Amino acid sequence: MLTRKKQAFIHHYLTDAYYNGAKACRMAGYQVTNQDRIACNLLEQVEVNEVIEKELAKLQLSNEDIIREIGNVIHNPKKESNKIRALELLARIHGLMKDT
């Protein structure tokens, strides 16, 4: 069973720390010194790795899922710039725009 700190580390590692182990340690409340070493040790633990892999597997999207989500942004944008960016992505997917 994972401790609360390990659960917090995993949560932060996968979300707001953007896969930065030291930052996830800091956000989870681990000691200030040696956060790189602590993160490395945590990421080598089988139980931590299993939870991370399981969570990442939930995030796997098919091409159809991605296109559907882009369509949702186009039809329900929170900001006009989001709609424009989503349209650009969709155009690239369909080969209507070239990457520069």
Protein backbone atom coordinates (compact mmCIF):
# COMPACT_ATOMS: atom_id res chain seq x y z
CA MET A 1 0.00 0.00 0.00
CA LEU A 2 1.29 3.44 -0.90
CA THR A 3 1.84 6.06 1.76
CA ARG A 4 0.10 9.41 1.46
CA LYS A 5 3.40 11.05 0.50
CA LYS A 6 3.98 8.52 -2.27
CA GLN A 7 0.43 9.03 -3.53
CA ALA A 8 0.99 12.79 -3.48
CA PHE A 9 4.30 12.35 -5.31
CA ILE A 10 2.62 10.29 -8.04
CA HIS A 11 -0.22 12.79 -8.36
CA HIS A 12 2.13 15.75 -8.70
CA TYR A 13 4.54 13.84 -10.93
CA LEU A 14 1.73 13.13 -13.42
CA THR A 15 0.04 16.53 -13.22
CA ASP A 16 1.45 19.88 -12.16
CA ALA A 17 5.14 18.81 -11.89
CA TYR A 18 5.07 17.66 -15.54
CA TYR A 19 7.16 14.50 -14.93
CA ASN A 20 9.80 16.41 -12.92
CA GLY A 21 10.61 14.10 -10.01
CA ALA A 22 12.37 16.67 -7.81
CA LYS A 23 9.51 19.14 -8.25
CA ALA A 24 6.96 16.39 -7.48
CA CYS A 25 8.91 15.57 -4.28
CA ARG A 26 8.85 19.20 -3.20
CA MET A 27 5.12 19.47 -3.91
CA ALA A 28 4.42 16.21 -2.04
CA GLY A 29 6.19 17.47 1.07
CA TYR A 30 9.43 15.49 1.02
CA GLN A 31 12.52 16.97 2.69
CA VAL A 32 14.12 19.93 0.98
CA THR A 33 17.55 18.36 0.47
CA ASN A 34 18.29 15.51 -1.94
CA GLN A 35 14.98 15.73 -3.80
CA ASP A 36 16.59 14.42 -6.99
CA ARG A 37 17.83 11.33 -5.15
CA ILE A 38 14.49 10.82 -3.41
CA ALA A 39 12.63 11.13 -6.72
CA CYS A 40 14.98 8.64 -8.36
CA ASN A 41 14.46 6.17 -5.50
CA LEU A 42 10.68 6.59 -5.67
CA LEU A 43 10.59 6.08 -9.42
CA GLU A 44 12.60 2.87 -9.06
CA GLN A 45 10.08 1.38 -6.62
CA VAL A 46 7.89 -1.25 -8.26
CA GLU A 47 4.69 -0.17 -6.51
CA VAL A 48 5.19 3.47 -7.51
CA ASN A 49 6.05 2.51 -11.07
CA GLU A 50 2.99 0.27 -11.37
CA VAL A 51 0.65 3.08 -10.30
CA ILE A 52 2.31 5.54 -12.69
CA GLU A 53 2.06 3.08 -15.60
CA LYS A 54 -1.59 2.38 -14.76
CA GLU A 55 -2.41 6.09 -14.68
CA LEU A 56 -0.55 6.71 -17.95
CA ALA A 57 -2.46 3.86 -19.59
CA LYS A 58 -5.72 5.62 -18.70
CA LEU A 59 -4.48 8.68 -20.61
CA GLN A 60 -3.92 6.79 -23.86
CA LEU A 61 -6.18 8.25 -26.52
CA SER A 62 -6.91 6.92 -29.97
CA ASN A 63 -6.65 9.14 -33.04
CA GLU A 64 -10.44 9.32 -33.10
CA ASP A 65 -10.51 10.44 -29.45
CA ILE A 66 -8.01 13.20 -30.18
CA ILE A 67 -9.94 14.45 -33.20
CA ARG A 68 -13.20 14.33 -31.22
CA GLU A 69 -11.64 16.40 -28.41
CA ILE A 70 -10.28 18.94 -30.89
CA GLY A 71 -13.80 19.15 -32.35
CA ASN A 72 -15.20 19.78 -28.87
CA VAL A 73 -12.81 22.72 -28.44
CA ILE A 74 -13.79 24.09 -31.85
CA HIS A 75 -17.52 23.94 -31.06
CA ASN A 76 -17.27 25.00 -27.40
CA PRO A 77 -14.15 27.17 -27.00
CA LYS A 78 -13.52 28.92 -23.70
CA LYS A 79 -11.48 31.49 -25.63
CA GLU A 80 -11.43 32.37 -29.31
CA SER A 81 -7.67 31.65 -29.42
CA ASN A 82 -8.39 28.06 -28.31
CA LYS A 83 -10.76 27.65 -31.26
CA ILE A 84 -8.16 28.98 -33.70
CA ARG A 85 -5.46 26.67 -32.31
CA ALA A 86 -7.81 23.66 -32.46
CA LEU A 87 -8.67 24.47 -36.08
CA GLU A 88 -4.94 24.67 -36.88
CA LEU A 89 -4.35 21.26 -35.29
CA LEU A 90 -7.25 19.70 -37.15
CA ALA A 91 -6.03 21.18 -40.44
CA ARG A 92 -2.57 19.70 -39.84
CA ILE A 93 -4.04 16.29 -39.01
CA HIS A 94 -5.91 16.31 -42.33
CA GLY A 95 -2.87 17.57 -44.26
CA LEU A 96 -4.34 20.96 -45.03
CA MET A 97 -1.43 22.82 -43.42
CA LYS A 98 2.27 22.19 -43.54
CA ASP A 99 4.41 22.43 -40.40
CA THR A 100 6.90 25.27 -40.67
